[in-house]
Amino acid sequence: MELCCKEVKMQYRRFYSELGKLLYAIAAIDGNVQKKEYNRLREIVEKILVPQEPSTDAFGTDNAYYAEIEFDILMDQDASPEACFESFCSYVESHKTAFDKGLKNLVKSLAEALSKSDRGQSKKEQALIRKLDKRMKEIFG
């Protein structure tokens, strides 16, 4: 399964940046990003996203790395997890026709995997995952 975006309007780099925002929101919602969460993010990018993404940027960097780059930037800025979550949801809403069942399932499974990487899901992570499910149902019907 390739993660190519279905619409020309949906740029690969932007998709991965927004995915990085969602993953950061999940990792940071309980107050700070744990080392195990960060390591899991890097593993997700290396082992799941990069092998499936055929597109690269102008420098030859696999676009999937933008999820990790965005995550790093947000960590450095101590960004608001809530604002990052809302940014991702707005992006999905604006590009919903590009999200097929496989891409929706991938987003959900990556969110779940990251949230369980440090001693299981915290209550805040569980709540954010439920909120993601609810928002995705609202967006996609």
C-alpha atoms as a PDB file:
ATOM      1  CA  MET A   1       0.000   0.000   0.000  1.00  0.00           C
ATOM      2  CA  GLU A   2       1.458   3.320  -1.042  1.00  0.00           C
ATOM      3  CA  LEU A   3       0.572   6.434   0.882  1.00  0.00           C
ATOM      4  CA  CYS A   4       0.260   8.623  -2.171  1.00  0.00           C
ATOM      5  CA  CYS A   5      -2.281  11.351  -1.863  1.00  0.00           C
ATOM      6  CA  LYS A   6      -5.190  11.054  -4.292  1.00  0.00           C
ATOM      7  CA  GLU A   7      -5.541  14.738  -5.168  1.00  0.00           C
ATOM      8  CA  VAL A   8      -3.010  17.043  -6.700  1.00  0.00           C
ATOM      9  CA  LYS A   9      -4.346  19.699  -4.280  1.00  0.00           C
ATOM     10  CA  MET A  10      -3.178  17.643  -1.318  1.00  0.00           C
ATOM     11  CA  GLN A  11       0.564  18.113  -1.176  1.00  0.00           C
ATOM     12  CA  TYR A  12       2.599  15.282   0.276  1.00  0.00           C
ATOM     13  CA  ARG A  13       4.825  17.513   2.356  1.00  0.00           C
ATOM     14  CA  ARG A  14       1.881  19.317   3.920  1.00  0.00           C
ATOM     15  CA  PHE A  15       0.108  16.043   4.703  1.00  0.00           C
ATOM     16  CA  TYR A  16       3.119  14.738   6.600  1.00  0.00           C
ATOM     17  CA  SER A  17       3.595  18.036   8.433  1.00  0.00           C
ATOM     18  CA  GLU A  18      -0.025  17.861   9.559  1.00  0.00           C
ATOM     19  CA  LEU A  19       0.387  14.215  10.549  1.00  0.00           C
ATOM     20  CA  GLY A  20       3.403  15.302  12.614  1.00  0.00           C
ATOM     21  CA  LYS A  21       1.142  17.833  14.344  1.00  0.00           C
ATOM     22  CA  LEU A  22      -1.392  15.144  15.208  1.00  0.00           C
ATOM     23  CA  LEU A  23       1.275  12.809  16.552  1.00  0.00           C
ATOM     24  CA  TYR A  24       2.834  15.630  18.559  1.00  0.00           C
ATOM     25  CA  ALA A  25      -0.591  16.493  20.011  1.00  0.00           C
ATOM     26  CA  ILE A  26      -1.032  12.918  21.178  1.00  0.00           C
ATOM     27  CA  ALA A  27       2.454  12.680  22.683  1.00  0.00           C
ATOM     28  CA  ALA A  28       2.287  16.103  24.371  1.00  0.00           C
ATOM     29  CA  ILE A  29      -1.342  16.151  25.553  1.00  0.00           C
ATOM     30  CA  ASP A  30      -0.393  14.838  28.991  1.00  0.00           C
ATOM     31  CA  GLY A  31       2.142  17.586  29.638  1.00  0.00           C
ATOM     32  CA  ASN A  32       5.370  16.461  28.020  1.00  0.00           C
ATOM     33  CA  VAL A  33       6.744  14.171  25.327  1.00  0.00           C
ATOM     34  CA  GLN A  34       8.337  11.084  26.828  1.00  0.00           C
ATOM     35  CA  LYS A  35      11.535   9.641  25.361  1.00  0.00           C
ATOM     36  CA  LYS A  36       9.704   6.405  24.473  1.00  0.00           C
ATOM     37  CA  GLU A  37       7.075   8.412  22.597  1.00  0.00           C
ATOM     38  CA  TYR A  38       9.713  10.275  20.627  1.00  0.00           C
ATOM     39  CA  ASN A  39      11.545   7.043  19.828  1.00  0.00           C
ATOM     40  CA  ARG A  40       8.269   5.464  18.711  1.00  0.00           C
ATOM     41  CA  LEU A  41       7.590   8.436  16.425  1.00  0.00           C
ATOM     42  CA  ARG A  42      10.969   7.965  14.771  1.00  0.00           C
ATOM     43  CA  GLU A  43      10.281   4.253  14.380  1.00  0.00           C
ATOM     44  CA  ILE A  44       6.874   4.984  12.809  1.00  0.00           C
ATOM     45  CA  VAL A  45       8.472   7.331  10.291  1.00  0.00           C
ATOM     46  CA  GLU A  46      11.383   5.010   9.454  1.00  0.00           C
ATOM     47  CA  LYS A  47       9.575   1.677   9.365  1.00  0.00           C
ATOM     48  CA  ILE A  48       6.041   2.551   8.286  1.00  0.00           C
ATOM     49  CA  LEU A  49       5.869   5.894   6.496  1.00  0.00           C
ATOM     50  CA  VAL A  50       9.145   6.142   4.577  1.00  0.00           C
ATOM     51  CA  PRO A  51       8.991   2.678   2.963  1.00  0.00           C
ATOM     52  CA  GLN A  52       5.472   3.383   1.669  1.00  0.00           C
ATOM     53  CA  GLU A  53       5.934   6.959   0.436  1.00  0.00           C
ATOM     54  CA  PRO A  54       7.349   7.298  -3.086  1.00  0.00           C
ATOM     55  CA  SER A  55       7.449  11.115  -3.213  1.00  0.00           C
ATOM     56  CA  THR A  56      10.448  13.265  -2.330  1.00  0.00           C
ATOM     57  CA  ASP A  57      11.075  16.982  -1.989  1.00  0.00           C
ATOM     58  CA  ALA A  58      13.342  19.066  -4.227  1.00  0.00           C
ATOM     59  CA  PHE A  59      16.393  17.838  -2.280  1.00  0.00           C
ATOM     60  CA  GLY A  60      15.525  14.150  -2.579  1.00  0.00           C
ATOM     61  CA  THR A  61      14.296  13.814   1.007  1.00  0.00           C
ATOM     62  CA  ASP A  62      11.405  11.399   1.380  1.00  0.00           C
ATOM     63  CA  ASN A  63       8.340  13.499   2.173  1.00  0.00           C
ATOM     64  CA  ALA A  64       7.397  11.175   5.046  1.00  0.00           C
ATOM     65  CA  TYR A  65      10.272  12.684   7.061  1.00  0.00           C
ATOM     66  CA  TYR A  66       8.263  15.892   7.312  1.00  0.00           C
ATOM     67  CA  ALA A  67       6.157  14.225  10.015  1.00  0.00           C
ATOM     68  CA  GLU A  68       9.281  13.921  12.173  1.00  0.00           C
ATOM     69  CA  ILE A  69      10.585  17.364  11.206  1.00  0.00           C
ATOM     70  CA  GLU A  70       7.279  18.989  12.195  1.00  0.00           C
ATOM     71  CA  PHE A  71       7.182  17.019  15.452  1.00  0.00           C
ATOM     72  CA  ASP A  72      10.719  18.232  16.303  1.00  0.00           C
ATOM     73  CA  ILE A  73       9.824  21.855  15.576  1.00  0.00           C
ATOM     74  CA  LEU A  74       6.706  21.649  17.739  1.00  0.00           C
ATOM     75  CA  MET A  75       8.672  20.091  20.599  1.00  0.00           C
ATOM     76  CA  ASP A  76      11.263  22.872  20.401  1.00  0.00           C
ATOM     77  CA  GLN A  77       8.486  25.485  20.459  1.00  0.00           C
ATOM     78  CA  ASP A  78       6.577  23.729  23.253  1.00  0.00           C
ATOM     79  CA  ALA A  79       3.542  24.091  21.006  1.00  0.00           C
ATOM     80  CA  SER A  80      -0.032  23.709  22.195  1.00  0.00           C
ATOM     81  CA  PRO A  81      -1.213  20.115  21.668  1.00  0.00           C
ATOM     82  CA  GLU A  82      -4.781  21.359  21.280  1.00  0.00           C
ATOM     83  CA  ALA A  83      -3.820  23.815  18.530  1.00  0.00           C
ATOM     84  CA  CYS A  84      -1.851  21.093  16.726  1.00  0.00           C
ATOM     85  CA  PHE A  85      -4.811  18.706  16.941  1.00  0.00           C
ATOM     86  CA  GLU A  86      -7.147  21.358  15.534  1.00  0.00           C
ATOM     87  CA  SER A  87      -4.713  22.116  12.717  1.00  0.00           C
ATOM     88  CA  PHE A  88      -4.686  18.456  11.702  1.00  0.00           C
ATOM     89  CA  CYS A  89      -8.488  18.211  11.818  1.00  0.00           C
ATOM     90  CA  SER A  90      -8.854  21.380   9.731  1.00  0.00           C
ATOM     91  CA  TYR A  91      -6.434  19.983   7.189  1.00  0.00           C
ATOM     92  CA  VAL A  92      -8.352  16.718   6.953  1.00  0.00           C
ATOM     93  CA  GLU A  93     -11.608  18.592   6.510  1.00  0.00           C
ATOM     94  CA  SER A  94     -10.127  20.703   3.712  1.00  0.00           C
ATOM     95  CA  HIS A  95      -8.747  17.645   1.912  1.00  0.00           C
ATOM     96  CA  LYS A  96     -11.257  14.969   2.859  1.00  0.00           C
ATOM     97  CA  THR A  97     -11.690  13.646  -0.674  1.00  0.00           C
ATOM     98  CA  ALA A  98      -8.013  12.626  -0.652  1.00  0.00           C
ATOM     99  CA  PHE A  99      -8.501  10.385   2.379  1.00  0.00           C
ATOM    100  CA  ASP A 100      -9.482   6.894   1.357  1.00  0.00           C
ATOM    101  CA  LYS A 101     -10.274   4.154   3.854  1.00  0.00           C
ATOM    102  CA  GLY A 102      -6.643   3.018   3.970  1.00  0.00           C
ATOM    103  CA  LEU A 103      -5.314   6.485   4.771  1.00  0.00           C
ATOM    104  CA  LYS A 104      -7.968   7.040   7.451  1.00  0.00           C
ATOM    105  CA  ASN A 105      -7.105   3.683   9.022  1.00  0.00           C
ATOM    106  CA  LEU A 106      -3.404   4.477   8.876  1.00  0.00           C
ATOM    107  CA  VAL A 107      -3.888   7.790  10.709  1.00  0.00           C
ATOM    108  CA  LYS A 108      -5.929   6.041  13.397  1.00  0.00           C
ATOM    109  CA  SER A 109      -3.457   3.181  13.829  1.00  0.00           C
ATOM    110  CA  LEU A 110      -0.449   5.523  14.039  1.00  0.00           C
ATOM    111  CA  ALA A 111      -2.221   7.661  16.637  1.00  0.00           C
ATOM    112  CA  GLU A 112      -3.033   4.538  18.667  1.00  0.00           C
ATOM    113  CA  ALA A 113       0.498   3.151  18.356  1.00  0.00           C
ATOM    114  CA  LEU A 114       2.115   6.379  19.512  1.00  0.00           C
ATOM    115  CA  SER A 115      -0.286   6.792  22.423  1.00  0.00           C
ATOM    116  CA  LYS A 116       0.550   3.302  23.718  1.00  0.00           C
ATOM    117  CA  SER A 117       4.335   3.656  23.478  1.00  0.00           C
ATOM    118  CA  ASP A 118       4.986   4.862  27.044  1.00  0.00           C
ATOM    119  CA  ARG A 119       3.304   2.710  29.700  1.00  0.00           C
ATOM    120  CA  GLY A 120       0.065   2.537  27.738  1.00  0.00           C
ATOM    121  CA  GLN A 121      -2.383   5.340  27.070  1.00  0.00           C
ATOM    122  CA  SER A 122      -2.860   8.060  29.636  1.00  0.00           C
ATOM    123  CA  LYS A 123      -6.400   9.295  30.290  1.00  0.00           C
ATOM    124  CA  LYS A 124      -5.641  12.472  28.321  1.00  0.00           C
ATOM    125  CA  GLU A 125      -4.306  10.455  25.389  1.00  0.00           C
ATOM    126  CA  GLN A 126      -7.384   8.214  25.478  1.00  0.00           C
ATOM    127  CA  ALA A 127      -9.609  11.298  25.463  1.00  0.00           C
ATOM    128  CA  LEU A 128      -7.732  12.777  22.488  1.00  0.00           C
ATOM    129  CA  ILE A 129      -7.986   9.499  20.548  1.00  0.00           C
ATOM    130  CA  ARG A 130     -11.748   9.454  21.208  1.00  0.00           C
ATOM    131  CA  LYS A 131     -11.930  13.081  20.071  1.00  0.00           C
ATOM    132  CA  LEU A 132     -10.021  12.165  16.887  1.00  0.00           C
ATOM    133  CA  ASP A 133     -12.481   9.320  16.209  1.00  0.00           C
ATOM    134  CA  LYS A 134     -15.419  11.666  16.742  1.00  0.00           C
ATOM    135  CA  ARG A 135     -13.974  14.376  14.493  1.00  0.00           C
ATOM    136  CA  MET A 136     -13.158  11.889  11.730  1.00  0.00           C
ATOM    137  CA  LYS A 137     -16.745  10.592  11.860  1.00  0.00           C
ATOM    138  CA  GLU A 138     -18.056  14.150  11.667  1.00  0.00           C
ATOM    139  CA  ILE A 139     -15.814  14.942   8.709  1.00  0.00           C
ATOM    140  CA  PHE A 140     -16.388  11.742   6.751  1.00  0.00           C
ATOM    141  CA  GLY A 141     -19.922  10.943   7.843  1.00  0.00           C
END
